[in-house]
Structure formats: structure tokens, C-alpha cells
Amino acid sequence: NLLMGAGFSQISVRALGGWNASMAQ
């Protein structure tokens, strides 16, 4: 929503880590 509101297109958002990485962190 923030990127669209600023005018951007072709937006891609990726996770950096999942459940196990979260527990490790």
C-alpha cells in the first residue's frame, strides 16, 4: 500500500526467513 501510494508499480515483496530462522534469530 505504501509503495502504490507513492506511485510505484510492479511491486514485489519477499520474506527473508521463515519459522525456523525466526526461532534461530
PDB file of all heavy atoms in Angstrom:
ATOM      1  N   ASN A   1       0.822  -1.214   0.000  1.00  0.00           N
ATOM      2  CA  ASN A   1       0.000   0.000   0.000  1.00  0.00           C
ATOM      3  C   ASN A   1       0.853   1.259   0.000  1.00  0.00           C
ATOM      4  O   ASN A   1       0.533   2.246  -0.688  1.00  0.00           O
ATOM      5  CB  ASN A   1      -0.926   0.002   1.218  1.00  0.00           C
ATOM      6  CG  ASN A   1      -2.044  -1.019   1.109  1.00  0.00           C
ATOM      7  OD1 ASN A   1      -2.334  -1.514   0.014  1.00  0.00           O
ATOM      8  ND2 ASN A   1      -2.660  -1.358   2.228  1.00  0.00           N
ATOM      9  N   LEU A   2       1.936   1.262   0.773  1.00  0.00           N
ATOM     10  CA  LEU A   2       2.819   2.429   0.811  1.00  0.00           C
ATOM     11  C   LEU A   2       3.466   2.677  -0.544  1.00  0.00           C
ATOM     12  O   LEU A   2       3.540   3.823  -1.014  1.00  0.00           O
ATOM     13  CB  LEU A   2       3.906   2.229   1.871  1.00  0.00           C
ATOM     14  CG  LEU A   2       3.479   2.391   3.330  1.00  0.00           C
ATOM     15  CD1 LEU A   2       4.571   1.859   4.260  1.00  0.00           C
ATOM     16  CD2 LEU A   2       3.183   3.857   3.652  1.00  0.00           C
ATOM     17  N   LEU A   3       3.935   1.620  -1.178  1.00  0.00           N
ATOM     18  CA  LEU A   3       4.594   1.770  -2.476  1.00  0.00           C
ATOM     19  C   LEU A   3       3.603   2.199  -3.560  1.00  0.00           C
ATOM     20  O   LEU A   3       3.902   3.079  -4.381  1.00  0.00           O
ATOM     21  CB  LEU A   3       5.281   0.464  -2.866  1.00  0.00           C
ATOM     22  CG  LEU A   3       6.526   0.133  -2.034  1.00  0.00           C
ATOM     23  CD1 LEU A   3       6.827  -1.359  -2.087  1.00  0.00           C
ATOM     24  CD2 LEU A   3       7.725   0.936  -2.513  1.00  0.00           C
ATOM     25  N   MET A   4       2.425   1.596  -3.547  1.00  0.00           N
ATOM     26  CA  MET A   4       1.398   2.015  -4.512  1.00  0.00           C
ATOM     27  C   MET A   4       1.013   3.473  -4.302  1.00  0.00           C
ATOM     28  O   MET A   4       0.852   4.229  -5.264  1.00  0.00           O
ATOM     29  CB  MET A   4       0.160   1.119  -4.376  1.00  0.00           C
ATOM     30  CG  MET A   4       0.316  -0.261  -4.957  1.00  0.00           C
ATOM     31  SD  MET A   4      -1.221  -1.234  -4.840  1.00  0.00           S
ATOM     32  CE  MET A   4      -2.332  -0.218  -5.805  1.00  0.00           C
ATOM     33  N   GLY A   5       0.876   3.878  -3.038  1.00  0.00           N
ATOM     34  CA  GLY A   5       0.517   5.252  -2.744  1.00  0.00           C
ATOM     35  C   GLY A   5       1.543   6.260  -3.209  1.00  0.00           C
ATOM     36  O   GLY A   5       1.211   7.403  -3.536  1.00  0.00           O
ATOM     37  N   ALA A   6       2.819   5.834  -3.245  1.00  0.00           N
ATOM     38  CA  ALA A   6       3.879   6.719  -3.717  1.00  0.00           C
ATOM     39  C   ALA A   6       3.987   6.742  -5.238  1.00  0.00           C
ATOM     40  O   ALA A   6       4.712   7.569  -5.794  1.00  0.00           O
ATOM     41  CB  ALA A   6       5.217   6.286  -3.113  1.00  0.00           C
ATOM     42  N   GLY A   7       3.264   5.835  -5.911  1.00  0.00           N
ATOM     43  CA  GLY A   7       3.261   5.832  -7.371  1.00  0.00           C
ATOM     44  C   GLY A   7       3.960   4.655  -8.011  1.00  0.00           C
ATOM     45  O   GLY A   7       4.035   4.573  -9.238  1.00  0.00           O
ATOM     46  N   PHE A   8       4.484   3.730  -7.225  1.00  0.00           N
ATOM     47  CA  PHE A   8       5.273   2.629  -7.781  1.00  0.00           C
ATOM     48  C   PHE A   8       4.389   1.526  -8.361  1.00  0.00           C
ATOM     49  O   PHE A   8       3.243   1.344  -7.959  1.00  0.00           O
ATOM     50  CB  PHE A   8       6.186   2.037  -6.711  1.00  0.00           C
ATOM     51  CG  PHE A   8       7.358   2.915  -6.361  1.00  0.00           C
ATOM     52  CD1 PHE A   8       7.317   3.727  -5.235  1.00  0.00           C
ATOM     53  CD2 PHE A   8       8.490   2.939  -7.164  1.00  0.00           C
ATOM     54  CE1 PHE A   8       8.390   4.534  -4.912  1.00  0.00           C
ATOM     55  CE2 PHE A   8       9.558   3.751  -6.855  1.00  0.00           C
ATOM     56  CZ  PHE A   8       9.521   4.553  -5.721  1.00  0.00           C
ATOM     57  N   SER A   9       4.977   0.783  -9.292  1.00  0.00           N
ATOM     58  CA  SER A   9       4.316  -0.356  -9.938  1.00  0.00           C
ATOM     59  C   SER A   9       5.232  -1.577  -9.866  1.00  0.00           C
ATOM     60  O   SER A   9       6.363  -1.486  -9.392  1.00  0.00           O
ATOM     61  CB  SER A   9       4.015  -0.038 -11.401  1.00  0.00           C
ATOM     62  OG  SER A   9       3.239   1.142 -11.521  1.00  0.00           O
ATOM     63  N   GLN A  10       4.731  -2.714 -10.335  1.00  0.00           N
ATOM     64  CA  GLN A  10       5.496  -3.961 -10.367  1.00  0.00           C
ATOM     65  C   GLN A  10       6.150  -4.231  -9.005  1.00  0.00           C
ATOM     66  O   GLN A  10       7.346  -4.510  -8.898  1.00  0.00           O
ATOM     67  CB  GLN A  10       6.547  -3.924 -11.477  1.00  0.00           C
ATOM     68  CG  GLN A  10       5.940  -3.797 -12.862  1.00  0.00           C
ATOM     69  CD  GLN A  10       6.986  -3.802 -13.966  1.00  0.00           C
ATOM     70  OE1 GLN A  10       8.105  -4.277 -13.793  1.00  0.00           O
ATOM     71  NE2 GLN A  10       6.621  -3.264 -15.125  1.00  0.00           N
ATOM     72  N   ILE A  11       5.325  -4.166  -7.975  1.00  0.00           N
ATOM     73  CA  ILE A  11       5.812  -4.307  -6.604  1.00  0.00           C
ATOM     74  C   ILE A  11       5.987  -5.784  -6.253  1.00  0.00           C
ATOM     75  O   ILE A  11       5.111  -6.609  -6.518  1.00  0.00           O
ATOM     76  CB  ILE A  11       4.822  -3.649  -5.620  1.00  0.00           C
ATOM     77  CG1 ILE A  11       4.688  -2.150  -5.929  1.00  0.00           C
ATOM     78  CG2 ILE A  11       5.264  -3.861  -4.174  1.00  0.00           C
ATOM     79  CD1 ILE A  11       3.477  -1.495  -5.287  1.00  0.00           C
ATOM     80  N   SER A  12       7.130  -6.107  -5.670  1.00  0.00           N
ATOM     81  CA  SER A  12       7.419  -7.468  -5.226  1.00  0.00           C
ATOM     82  C   SER A  12       7.928  -7.416  -3.795  1.00  0.00           C
ATOM     83  O   SER A  12       8.835  -6.642  -3.481  1.00  0.00           O
ATOM     84  CB  SER A  12       8.482  -8.109  -6.134  1.00  0.00           C
ATOM     85  OG  SER A  12       8.885  -9.370  -5.628  1.00  0.00           O
ATOM     86  N   VAL A  13       7.341  -8.242  -2.912  1.00  0.00           N
ATOM     87  CA  VAL A  13       7.772  -8.326  -1.516  1.00  0.00           C
ATOM     88  C   VAL A  13       8.085  -9.784  -1.198  1.00  0.00           C
ATOM     89  O   VAL A  13       7.272 -10.665  -1.468  1.00  0.00           O
ATOM     90  CB  VAL A  13       6.692  -7.793  -0.554  1.00  0.00           C
ATOM     91  CG1 VAL A  13       7.149  -7.942   0.902  1.00  0.00           C
ATOM     92  CG2 VAL A  13       6.372  -6.327  -0.850  1.00  0.00           C
ATOM     93  N   ARG A  14       9.278 -10.022  -0.647  1.00  0.00           N
ATOM     94  CA  ARG A  14       9.725 -11.380  -0.341  1.00  0.00           C
ATOM     95  C   ARG A  14      10.091 -11.482   1.136  1.00  0.00           C
ATOM     96  O   ARG A  14      10.588 -10.527   1.731  1.00  0.00           O
ATOM     97  CB  ARG A  14      10.962 -11.743  -1.170  1.00  0.00           C
ATOM     98  CG  ARG A  14      10.755 -11.693  -2.658  1.00  0.00           C
ATOM     99  CD  ARG A  14      12.042 -11.954  -3.408  1.00  0.00           C
ATOM    100  NE  ARG A  14      12.616 -13.265  -3.092  1.00  0.00           N
ATOM    101  CZ  ARG A  14      13.480 -13.908  -3.886  1.00  0.00           C
ATOM    102  NH1 ARG A  14      13.867 -13.362  -5.019  1.00  0.00           N
ATOM    103  NH2 ARG A  14      13.952 -15.083  -3.531  1.00  0.00           N
ATOM    104  N   ALA A  15       9.866 -12.661   1.700  1.00  0.00           N
ATOM    105  CA  ALA A  15      10.303 -12.910   3.075  1.00  0.00           C
ATOM    106  C   ALA A  15      11.802 -13.178   3.095  1.00  0.00           C
ATOM    107  O   ALA A  15      12.374 -13.705   2.136  1.00  0.00           O
ATOM    108  CB  ALA A  15       9.560 -14.107   3.649  1.00  0.00           C
ATOM    109  N   LEU A  16      12.438 -12.824   4.208  1.00  0.00           N
ATOM    110  CA  LEU A  16      13.862 -13.106   4.382  1.00  0.00           C
ATOM    111  C   LEU A  16      14.100 -14.433   5.105  1.00  0.00           C
ATOM    112  O   LEU A  16      15.165 -15.024   4.980  1.00  0.00           O
ATOM    113  CB  LEU A  16      14.539 -11.969   5.157  1.00  0.00           C
ATOM    114  CG  LEU A  16      14.602 -10.619   4.450  1.00  0.00           C
ATOM    115  CD1 LEU A  16      15.274  -9.590   5.343  1.00  0.00           C
ATOM    116  CD2 LEU A  16      15.350 -10.731   3.123  1.00  0.00           C
ATOM    117  N   GLY A  17      13.154 -14.872   5.891  1.00  0.00           N
ATOM    118  CA  GLY A  17      13.306 -16.131   6.620  1.00  0.00           C
ATOM    119  C   GLY A  17      11.962 -16.575   7.161  1.00  0.00           C
ATOM    120  O   GLY A  17      11.052 -15.754   7.340  1.00  0.00           O
ATOM    121  N   GLY A  18      11.824 -17.874   7.424  1.00  0.00           N
ATOM    122  CA  GLY A  18      10.561 -18.421   7.887  1.00  0.00           C
ATOM    123  C   GLY A  18      10.584 -18.806   9.361  1.00  0.00           C
ATOM    124  O   GLY A  18      11.310 -18.223  10.161  1.00  0.00           O
ATOM    125  N   TRP A  19       9.797 -19.829   9.713  1.00  0.00           N
ATOM    126  CA  TRP A  19       9.627 -20.217  11.116  1.00  0.00           C
ATOM    127  C   TRP A  19      10.949 -20.604  11.781  1.00  0.00           C
ATOM    128  O   TRP A  19      11.262 -20.156  12.885  1.00  0.00           O
ATOM    129  CB  TRP A  19       8.651 -21.390  11.218  1.00  0.00           C
ATOM    130  CG  TRP A  19       7.215 -20.984  11.342  1.00  0.00           C
ATOM    131  CD1 TRP A  19       6.253 -21.043  10.369  1.00  0.00           C
ATOM    132  CD2 TRP A  19       6.568 -20.488  12.511  1.00  0.00           C
ATOM    133  NE1 TRP A  19       5.051 -20.603  10.856  1.00  0.00           N
ATOM    134  CE2 TRP A  19       5.211 -20.254  12.190  1.00  0.00           C
ATOM    135  CE3 TRP A  19       6.993 -20.200  13.798  1.00  0.00           C
ATOM    136  CZ2 TRP A  19       4.290 -19.758  13.090  1.00  0.00           C
ATOM    137  CZ3 TRP A  19       6.074 -19.707  14.721  1.00  0.00           C
ATOM    138  CH2 TRP A  19       4.742 -19.487  14.366  1.00  0.00           C
ATOM    139  N   ASN A  20      11.727 -21.473  11.149  1.00  0.00           N
ATOM    140  CA  ASN A  20      12.961 -21.943  11.783  1.00  0.00           C
ATOM    141  C   ASN A  20      13.979 -20.823  11.936  1.00  0.00           C
ATOM    142  O   ASN A  20      14.655 -20.719  12.966  1.00  0.00           O
ATOM    143  CB  ASN A  20      13.559 -23.101  10.976  1.00  0.00           C
ATOM    144  CG  ASN A  20      12.803 -24.397  11.177  1.00  0.00           C
ATOM    145  OD1 ASN A  20      11.860 -24.465  11.959  1.00  0.00           O
ATOM    146  ND2 ASN A  20      13.212 -25.434  10.475  1.00  0.00           N
ATOM    147  N   ALA A  21      14.102 -19.993  10.910  1.00  0.00           N
ATOM    148  CA  ALA A  21      15.019 -18.855  11.004  1.00  0.00           C
ATOM    149  C   ALA A  21      14.555 -17.883  12.087  1.00  0.00           C
ATOM    150  O   ALA A  21      15.384 -17.290  12.786  1.00  0.00           O
ATOM    151  CB  ALA A  21      15.126 -18.149   9.658  1.00  0.00           C
ATOM    152  N   SER A  22      13.242 -17.727  12.225  1.00  0.00           N
ATOM    153  CA  SER A  22      12.715 -16.843  13.268  1.00  0.00           C
ATOM    154  C   SER A  22      13.080 -17.362  14.655  1.00  0.00           C
ATOM    155  O   SER A  22      13.476 -16.594  15.539  1.00  0.00           O
ATOM    156  CB  SER A  22      11.191 -16.717  13.134  1.00  0.00           C
ATOM    157  OG  SER A  22      10.833 -16.109  11.910  1.00  0.00           O
ATOM    158  N   MET A  23      12.942 -18.673  14.855  1.00  0.00           N
ATOM    159  CA  MET A  23      13.325 -19.252  16.139  1.00  0.00           C
ATOM    160  C   MET A  23      14.828 -19.106  16.382  1.00  0.00           C
ATOM    161  O   MET A  23      15.270 -18.768  17.492  1.00  0.00           O
ATOM    162  CB  MET A  23      12.917 -20.725  16.193  1.00  0.00           C
ATOM    163  CG  MET A  23      13.330 -21.422  17.480  1.00  0.00           C
ATOM    164  SD  MET A  23      12.638 -20.641  18.965  1.00  0.00           S
ATOM    165  CE  MET A  23      10.942 -21.230  18.865  1.00  0.00           C
ATOM    166  N   ALA A  24      15.624 -19.348  15.337  1.00  0.00           N
ATOM    167  CA  ALA A  24      17.076 -19.189  15.464  1.00  0.00           C
ATOM    168  C   ALA A  24      17.436 -17.759  15.833  1.00  0.00           C
ATOM    169  O   ALA A  24      18.293 -17.510  16.700  1.00  0.00           O
ATOM    170  CB  ALA A  24      17.760 -19.593  14.154  1.00  0.00           C
ATOM    171  N   GLN A  25      16.791 -16.814  15.177  1.00  0.00           N
ATOM    172  CA  GLN A  25      17.089 -15.405  15.452  1.00  0.00           C
ATOM    173  C   GLN A  25      16.690 -15.027  16.869  1.00  0.00           C
ATOM    174  O   GLN A  25      17.423 -14.312  17.563  1.00  0.00           O
ATOM    175  CB  GLN A  25      16.367 -14.522  14.433  1.00  0.00           C
ATOM    176  CG  GLN A  25      16.770 -13.062  14.503  1.00  0.00           C
ATOM    177  CD  GLN A  25      16.442 -12.326  13.223  1.00  0.00           C
ATOM    178  OE1 GLN A  25      17.074 -12.549  12.194  1.00  0.00           O
ATOM    179  NE2 GLN A  25      15.447 -11.457  13.287  1.00  0.00           N
TER     180      GLN A  25
END
